Amino acid sequence: MLETSQVTACLVTRGDQPAAILRIQESLIFDQIIVWDNSIQTDWKCAGRYMAARMAKTPVVYFQDDDVIVPKRTQIELLENYKPGVMVANWGHGENPDGYEDLPLVCGGAVVDRQLPWRALRRYLKCYPDDDGFRYEADFVAGVLYETFEHHWLPFHIDLAIAQHPSRLCNQTWQRDLKFDITQRARAIRDGLKVAA
């Protein structure tokens, strides 16, 4: 099994949930944790987790959202299922994947080789700009462009007081269309319909 010393947990936050970030840090099994705080560092939005991954010194990184607690047993099972070159993700689509089941989400915990997210993201950035759309929806870009991924169905707990707050990205009226558009761009790259100029 992958050792916890070989993994860095990479978290992203807007800086408005310090208590939640502290709870998450206390719940993690990893000694090495990097928090990308968009309120202090450059605002990379959701892509901040991938900026944190660039700072990691370990060969593997772990991701999760800042509004969930992933039980220790789930973290361990993700490590037990780790495979080099594969994005191993806990199923984060809920009961209705809404057409996105062709990609892994990292919200409920995921482990992946440190270099793989940026390999996927760079493919997108060769064709499209580094703009707010990319930064907000980088999870969908990377998810589509991983060469291989594996879903697992393991427990995690969503803090609904945070997740359902009106200020959260998923609760913005414009976000659904943006997510679809950015994901379609990534799918076009994946399917060979769009290549870098």
Protein backbone atom coordinates (compact mmCIF):
# COMPACT_ATOMS: atom_id res chain seq x y z
CA MET A 1 0.00 0.00 0.00
CA LEU A 2 1.06 3.58 -0.62
CA GLU A 3 2.51 5.08 2.57
CA THR A 4 1.04 8.30 3.96
CA SER A 5 4.55 9.77 3.90
CA GLN A 6 4.46 9.52 0.09
CA VAL A 7 1.33 11.70 -0.17
CA THR A 8 0.65 15.41 0.31
CA ALA A 9 -2.89 16.58 0.94
CA CYS A 10 -3.63 19.62 -1.25
CA LEU A 11 -6.56 21.80 -0.22
CA VAL A 12 -8.01 24.99 -1.66
CA THR A 13 -10.09 27.58 0.16
CA ARG A 14 -11.53 31.02 -0.43
CA GLY A 15 -10.37 31.86 3.08
CA ASP A 16 -13.89 32.15 4.46
CA GLN A 17 -14.03 28.77 6.21
CA PRO A 18 -11.05 28.67 8.60
CA ALA A 19 -12.84 26.41 11.10
CA ALA A 20 -13.73 23.93 8.36
CA ILE A 21 -10.16 23.89 7.04
CA LEU A 22 -8.88 23.24 10.56
CA ARG A 23 -11.36 20.35 11.01
CA ILE A 24 -10.25 18.89 7.68
CA GLN A 25 -6.58 19.16 8.59
CA GLU A 26 -7.27 17.38 11.88
CA SER A 27 -9.13 14.61 10.03
CA LEU A 28 -6.40 13.88 7.50
CA ILE A 29 -4.03 10.94 7.81
CA PHE A 30 -1.23 12.76 5.96
CA ASP A 31 1.65 14.56 7.67
CA GLN A 32 2.16 16.88 4.72
CA ILE A 33 -0.68 19.29 3.97
CA ILE A 34 -0.65 22.33 1.68
CA VAL A 35 -3.54 24.80 1.80
CA TRP A 36 -3.87 27.20 -1.12
CA ASP A 37 -5.77 30.16 0.28
CA ASN A 38 -7.20 32.28 -2.53
CA SER A 39 -7.78 35.17 -0.13
CA ILE A 40 -4.04 35.42 0.56
CA GLN A 41 -2.32 33.90 -2.47
CA THR A 42 -3.11 34.53 -6.13
CA ASP A 43 -6.79 33.73 -6.68
CA TRP A 44 -6.75 30.55 -8.72
CA LYS A 45 -10.30 29.72 -7.63
CA CYS A 46 -10.88 25.93 -7.67
CA ALA A 47 -7.61 25.47 -9.58
CA GLY A 48 -5.82 26.52 -6.38
CA ARG A 49 -5.73 22.87 -5.37
CA TYR A 50 -3.56 22.21 -8.44
CA MET A 51 -1.29 25.11 -7.54
CA ALA A 52 -0.88 23.44 -4.14
CA ALA A 53 -0.01 20.19 -5.92
CA ARG A 54 2.78 21.96 -7.79
CA MET A 55 4.32 22.80 -4.40
CA ALA A 56 4.18 19.21 -3.11
CA LYS A 57 7.44 17.31 -2.67
CA THR A 58 5.85 13.85 -2.56
CA PRO A 59 5.20 11.70 -5.65
CA VAL A 60 1.45 11.49 -4.94
CA VAL A 61 -1.16 14.06 -3.90
CA TYR A 62 -4.56 13.82 -2.23
CA PHE A 63 -7.48 16.16 -2.93
CA GLN A 64 -10.83 16.88 -1.30
CA ASP A 65 -13.18 19.85 -1.04
CA ASP A 66 -13.31 22.30 1.86
CA ASP A 67 -16.94 21.49 2.71
CA VAL A 68 -16.49 17.77 3.38
CA ILE A 69 -14.95 15.47 5.93
CA VAL A 70 -13.52 12.28 4.50
CA PRO A 71 -13.32 9.52 7.13
CA LYS A 72 -9.91 8.03 7.85
CA ARG A 73 -11.10 4.63 6.60
CA THR A 74 -12.05 6.18 3.24
CA GLN A 75 -8.66 7.89 2.97
CA ILE A 76 -6.95 4.57 3.70
CA GLU A 77 -9.05 2.74 1.11
CA LEU A 78 -8.17 5.33 -1.51
CA LEU A 79 -4.48 4.76 -0.74
CA GLU A 80 -5.00 0.99 -0.89
CA ASN A 81 -6.49 1.38 -4.37
CA TYR A 82 -3.81 3.78 -5.66
CA LYS A 83 -2.29 2.83 -9.01
CA PRO A 84 0.52 4.73 -10.74
CA GLY A 85 -0.81 6.75 -13.67
CA VAL A 86 -4.44 6.47 -12.55
CA MET A 87 -6.66 9.10 -10.94
CA VAL A 88 -8.35 7.20 -8.10
CA ALA A 89 -11.40 9.16 -6.97
CA ASN A 90 -14.25 8.69 -4.58
CA TRP A 91 -17.59 9.01 -6.42
CA GLY A 92 -18.57 12.66 -6.03
CA HIS A 93 -21.52 12.94 -8.40
CA GLY A 94 -24.23 12.04 -5.92
CA GLU A 95 -27.33 10.22 -7.12
CA ASN A 96 -27.52 12.19 -10.38
CA PRO A 97 -24.26 12.60 -12.31
CA ASP A 98 -26.08 14.99 -14.69
CA GLY A 99 -24.08 13.81 -17.70
CA TYR A 100 -20.66 14.07 -16.02
CA GLU A 101 -20.09 10.41 -15.19
CA ASP A 102 -17.27 10.33 -17.78
CA LEU A 103 -14.99 12.16 -15.36
CA PRO A 104 -13.86 11.85 -11.75
CA LEU A 105 -14.54 14.55 -9.19
CA VAL A 106 -12.16 15.06 -6.27
CA CYS A 107 -14.65 16.50 -3.77
CA GLY A 108 -14.99 13.36 -1.63
CA GLY A 109 -11.33 12.38 -1.74
CA ALA A 110 -8.93 11.36 -4.51
CA VAL A 111 -5.30 10.27 -4.93
CA VAL A 112 -3.20 10.76 -8.04
CA ASP A 113 0.41 11.07 -9.12
CA ARG A 114 1.49 14.66 -8.51
CA GLN A 115 2.32 15.43 -12.15
CA LEU A 116 -0.88 14.04 -13.72
CA PRO A 117 -3.29 16.93 -12.97
CA TRP A 118 -1.00 19.46 -14.63
CA ARG A 119 -0.37 17.16 -17.57
CA ALA A 120 -4.14 17.23 -18.15
CA LEU A 121 -4.52 20.96 -17.47
CA ARG A 122 -1.67 21.88 -19.83
CA ARG A 123 -3.43 20.05 -22.67
CA TYR A 124 -6.39 22.36 -22.17
CA LEU A 125 -4.26 25.49 -21.85
CA LYS A 126 -2.61 24.78 -25.20
CA CYS A 127 -6.03 25.28 -26.79
CA TYR A 128 -7.87 27.69 -24.51
CA PRO A 129 -6.92 30.62 -22.24
CA ASP A 130 -6.17 30.64 -18.54
CA ASP A 131 -9.28 32.61 -17.64
CA ASP A 132 -11.81 32.62 -14.82
CA GLY A 133 -13.81 29.87 -16.53
CA PHE A 134 -10.78 27.59 -16.53
CA ARG A 135 -9.90 28.45 -12.93
CA TYR A 136 -13.45 27.87 -11.67
CA GLU A 137 -13.92 24.61 -13.55
CA ALA A 138 -10.40 23.16 -13.48
CA ASP A 139 -11.69 20.02 -11.74
CA PHE A 140 -13.84 19.25 -14.78
CA VAL A 141 -11.01 20.05 -17.19
CA ALA A 142 -8.57 17.75 -15.39
CA GLY A 143 -11.26 15.12 -14.87
CA VAL A 144 -12.03 14.87 -18.58
CA LEU A 145 -8.38 14.89 -19.61
CA TYR A 146 -6.98 12.27 -17.23
CA GLU A 147 -5.87 9.39 -19.41
CA THR A 148 -7.17 6.87 -16.87
CA PHE A 149 -9.37 7.15 -13.82
CA GLU A 150 -11.09 4.83 -11.40
CA HIS A 151 -14.18 5.49 -9.30
CA HIS A 152 -14.77 4.11 -5.82
CA TRP A 153 -17.95 4.41 -3.78
CA LEU A 154 -16.80 5.22 -0.25
CA PRO A 155 -18.33 7.29 2.55
CA PHE A 156 -17.70 11.00 3.05
CA HIS A 157 -19.68 13.67 4.85
CA ILE A 158 -20.80 16.98 3.34
CA ASP A 159 -21.15 19.99 5.64
CA LEU A 160 -24.45 21.24 4.24
CA ALA A 161 -24.23 24.54 6.09
CA ILE A 162 -21.22 25.35 3.91
CA ALA A 163 -22.17 23.47 0.73
CA GLN A 164 -25.65 25.03 0.51
CA HIS A 165 -24.59 28.58 1.35
CA PRO A 166 -25.73 31.02 -1.36
CA SER A 167 -22.15 32.22 -1.90
CA ARG A 168 -20.82 28.81 -2.97
CA LEU A 169 -19.85 28.32 -6.61
CA CYS A 170 -22.32 25.51 -7.20
CA ASN A 171 -25.16 27.79 -6.08
CA GLN A 172 -24.45 30.56 -8.61
CA THR A 173 -27.04 30.81 -11.38
CA TRP A 174 -24.36 31.15 -14.08
CA GLN A 175 -22.19 28.25 -12.95
CA ARG A 176 -24.14 25.39 -14.54
CA ASP A 177 -23.70 26.83 -18.05
CA LEU A 178 -20.04 27.67 -17.43
CA LYS A 179 -19.32 24.15 -16.17
CA PHE A 180 -20.99 22.66 -19.25
CA ASP A 181 -19.12 24.92 -21.69
CA ILE A 182 -15.69 24.33 -20.12
CA THR A 183 -16.31 20.59 -19.88
CA GLN A 184 -17.35 20.47 -23.54
CA ARG A 185 -14.11 22.21 -24.49
CA ALA A 186 -12.13 19.58 -22.57
CA ARG A 187 -14.14 16.76 -24.15
CA ALA A 188 -13.36 18.15 -27.62
CA ILE A 189 -9.65 17.97 -26.78
CA ARG A 190 -10.00 14.45 -25.36
CA ASP A 191 -11.93 13.27 -28.42
CA GLY A 192 -9.49 14.81 -30.89
CA LEU A 193 -11.99 17.38 -32.16
CA LYS A 194 -9.85 20.28 -30.93
CA VAL A 195 -6.07 20.47 -31.17
CA ALA A 196 -3.62 23.19 -30.24
CA ALA A 197 -3.03 25.74 -32.99
